[in-house]
Protein backbone atom coordinates (compact mmCIF):
# COMPACT_ATOMS: atom_id res chain seq x y z
CA UNK A 1 0.00 0.00 0.00
CA UNK A 2 1.39 3.32 -1.02
CA UNK A 3 0.35 6.72 0.25
CA UNK A 4 0.68 9.60 -2.19
CA UNK A 5 -0.61 12.66 -0.45
CA UNK A 6 -4.20 11.93 0.50
CA UNK A 7 -4.50 9.09 -2.03
CA UNK A 8 -3.96 5.44 -1.16
CA UNK A 9 -2.84 3.09 -3.93
CA UNK A 10 -3.33 -0.64 -3.42
CA UNK A 11 -2.19 -3.21 -5.96
CA UNK A 12 -4.45 -6.06 -7.10
CA UNK A 13 -2.52 -8.76 -5.24
CA UNK A 14 -3.01 -6.95 -1.95
CA UNK A 15 -6.71 -6.43 -2.55
CA UNK A 16 -7.37 -10.05 -3.49
CA UNK A 17 -5.32 -11.37 -0.59
CA UNK A 18 -2.95 -13.03 -3.04
CA UNK A 19 -5.63 -15.54 -4.09
CA UNK A 20 -5.84 -15.67 -7.86
CA UNK A 21 -7.13 -19.24 -8.01
CA UNK A 22 -10.28 -19.79 -10.05
CA UNK A 23 -11.36 -22.92 -8.16
CA UNK A 24 -14.49 -21.28 -6.76
CA UNK A 25 -15.60 -20.18 -10.22
CA UNK A 26 -14.97 -23.67 -11.59
CA UNK A 27 -16.88 -25.26 -8.72
CA UNK A 28 -19.92 -23.03 -9.29
CA UNK A 29 -19.91 -23.67 -13.05
CA UNK A 30 -19.50 -27.44 -12.66
CA UNK A 31 -22.20 -27.56 -9.98
CA UNK A 32 -24.62 -25.60 -12.15
CA UNK A 33 -23.99 -27.85 -15.15
CA UNK A 34 -24.48 -30.97 -13.01
CA UNK A 35 -27.70 -29.61 -11.51
CA UNK A 36 -29.07 -28.78 -14.97
CA UNK A 37 -28.11 -32.24 -16.21
CA UNK A 38 -29.73 -34.00 -13.25
CA UNK A 39 -32.95 -32.00 -13.48
CA UNK A 40 -33.09 -32.58 -17.24
CA UNK A 41 -32.62 -36.32 -16.77
CA UNK A 42 -35.46 -36.45 -14.23
CA UNK A 43 -37.70 -34.39 -16.50
CA UNK A 44 -36.91 -36.46 -19.62
CA UNK A 45 -37.33 -39.85 -17.93
CA UNK A 46 -40.61 -38.69 -16.38
CA UNK A 47 -41.87 -37.53 -19.77
CA UNK A 48 -40.88 -40.82 -21.41
CA UNK A 49 -42.58 -42.92 -18.73
CA UNK A 50 -45.80 -40.84 -18.82
CA UNK A 51 -48.59 -42.62 -20.71
CA UNK A 52 -49.32 -40.18 -23.52
CA UNK A 53 -51.71 -42.55 -25.31
CA UNK A 54 -54.40 -42.17 -22.61
CA UNK A 55 -53.84 -38.95 -20.63
CA UNK A 56 -57.51 -38.87 -19.51
CA UNK A 57 -57.13 -42.26 -17.79
CA UNK A 58 -54.68 -40.81 -15.27
CA UNK A 59 -56.91 -37.80 -14.61
CA UNK A 60 -59.95 -39.95 -13.83
CA UNK A 61 -58.12 -42.28 -11.44
CA UNK A 62 -56.87 -39.45 -9.23
CA UNK A 63 -60.28 -38.77 -7.65
CA UNK A 64 -61.17 -36.05 -5.16
C-alpha atoms as a PDB file:
ATOM      1  CA  UNK A   1       0.000   0.000   0.000  1.00  0.00           C
ATOM      2  CA  UNK A   2       1.392   3.321  -1.024  1.00  0.00           C
ATOM      3  CA  UNK A   3       0.347   6.717   0.251  1.00  0.00           C
ATOM      4  CA  UNK A   4       0.681   9.598  -2.194  1.00  0.00           C
ATOM      5  CA  UNK A   5      -0.612  12.663  -0.453  1.00  0.00           C
ATOM      6  CA  UNK A   6      -4.201  11.934   0.501  1.00  0.00           C
ATOM      7  CA  UNK A   7      -4.502   9.090  -2.032  1.00  0.00           C
ATOM      8  CA  UNK A   8      -3.963   5.443  -1.158  1.00  0.00           C
ATOM      9  CA  UNK A   9      -2.839   3.087  -3.932  1.00  0.00           C
ATOM     10  CA  UNK A  10      -3.332  -0.645  -3.423  1.00  0.00           C
ATOM     11  CA  UNK A  11      -2.186  -3.214  -5.965  1.00  0.00           C
ATOM     12  CA  UNK A  12      -4.449  -6.057  -7.097  1.00  0.00           C
ATOM     13  CA  UNK A  13      -2.518  -8.759  -5.237  1.00  0.00           C
ATOM     14  CA  UNK A  14      -3.007  -6.948  -1.945  1.00  0.00           C
ATOM     15  CA  UNK A  15      -6.715  -6.431  -2.552  1.00  0.00           C
ATOM     16  CA  UNK A  16      -7.372 -10.047  -3.495  1.00  0.00           C
ATOM     17  CA  UNK A  17      -5.321 -11.371  -0.590  1.00  0.00           C
ATOM     18  CA  UNK A  18      -2.954 -13.032  -3.038  1.00  0.00           C
ATOM     19  CA  UNK A  19      -5.632 -15.539  -4.094  1.00  0.00           C
ATOM     20  CA  UNK A  20      -5.840 -15.674  -7.865  1.00  0.00           C
ATOM     21  CA  UNK A  21      -7.133 -19.239  -8.009  1.00  0.00           C
ATOM     22  CA  UNK A  22     -10.282 -19.786 -10.050  1.00  0.00           C
ATOM     23  CA  UNK A  23     -11.363 -22.916  -8.161  1.00  0.00           C
ATOM     24  CA  UNK A  24     -14.493 -21.284  -6.760  1.00  0.00           C
ATOM     25  CA  UNK A  25     -15.603 -20.178 -10.219  1.00  0.00           C
ATOM     26  CA  UNK A  26     -14.966 -23.665 -11.591  1.00  0.00           C
ATOM     27  CA  UNK A  27     -16.876 -25.264  -8.718  1.00  0.00           C
ATOM     28  CA  UNK A  28     -19.916 -23.029  -9.287  1.00  0.00           C
ATOM     29  CA  UNK A  29     -19.909 -23.665 -13.052  1.00  0.00           C
ATOM     30  CA  UNK A  30     -19.503 -27.436 -12.664  1.00  0.00           C
ATOM     31  CA  UNK A  31     -22.199 -27.564  -9.983  1.00  0.00           C
ATOM     32  CA  UNK A  32     -24.615 -25.603 -12.147  1.00  0.00           C
ATOM     33  CA  UNK A  33     -23.991 -27.852 -15.147  1.00  0.00           C
ATOM     34  CA  UNK A  34     -24.475 -30.973 -13.010  1.00  0.00           C
ATOM     35  CA  UNK A  35     -27.701 -29.612 -11.514  1.00  0.00           C
ATOM     36  CA  UNK A  36     -29.072 -28.777 -14.967  1.00  0.00           C
ATOM     37  CA  UNK A  37     -28.113 -32.245 -16.206  1.00  0.00           C
ATOM     38  CA  UNK A  38     -29.729 -34.002 -13.251  1.00  0.00           C
ATOM     39  CA  UNK A  39     -32.953 -32.003 -13.476  1.00  0.00           C
ATOM     40  CA  UNK A  40     -33.088 -32.579 -17.239  1.00  0.00           C
ATOM     41  CA  UNK A  41     -32.619 -36.319 -16.770  1.00  0.00           C
ATOM     42  CA  UNK A  42     -35.458 -36.449 -14.227  1.00  0.00           C
ATOM     43  CA  UNK A  43     -37.699 -34.395 -16.504  1.00  0.00           C
ATOM     44  CA  UNK A  44     -36.913 -36.463 -19.625  1.00  0.00           C
ATOM     45  CA  UNK A  45     -37.333 -39.848 -17.930  1.00  0.00           C
ATOM     46  CA  UNK A  46     -40.610 -38.689 -16.385  1.00  0.00           C
ATOM     47  CA  UNK A  47     -41.872 -37.535 -19.766  1.00  0.00           C
ATOM     48  CA  UNK A  48     -40.875 -40.820 -21.408  1.00  0.00           C
ATOM     49  CA  UNK A  49     -42.583 -42.916 -18.725  1.00  0.00           C
ATOM     50  CA  UNK A  50     -45.801 -40.840 -18.820  1.00  0.00           C
ATOM     51  CA  UNK A  51     -48.586 -42.622 -20.707  1.00  0.00           C
ATOM     52  CA  UNK A  52     -49.319 -40.181 -23.516  1.00  0.00           C
ATOM     53  CA  UNK A  53     -51.711 -42.547 -25.308  1.00  0.00           C
ATOM     54  CA  UNK A  54     -54.403 -42.168 -22.613  1.00  0.00           C
ATOM     55  CA  UNK A  55     -53.840 -38.952 -20.628  1.00  0.00           C
ATOM     56  CA  UNK A  56     -57.508 -38.868 -19.509  1.00  0.00           C
ATOM     57  CA  UNK A  57     -57.131 -42.264 -17.788  1.00  0.00           C
ATOM     58  CA  UNK A  58     -54.681 -40.812 -15.268  1.00  0.00           C
ATOM     59  CA  UNK A  59     -56.912 -37.802 -14.613  1.00  0.00           C
ATOM     60  CA  UNK A  60     -59.953 -39.953 -13.826  1.00  0.00           C
ATOM     61  CA  UNK A  61     -58.121 -42.284 -11.436  1.00  0.00           C
ATOM     62  CA  UNK A  62     -56.870 -39.452  -9.233  1.00  0.00           C
ATOM     63  CA  UNK A  63     -60.278 -38.773  -7.650  1.00  0.00           C
ATOM     64  CA  UNK A  64     -61.167 -36.047  -5.165  1.00  0.00           C
END
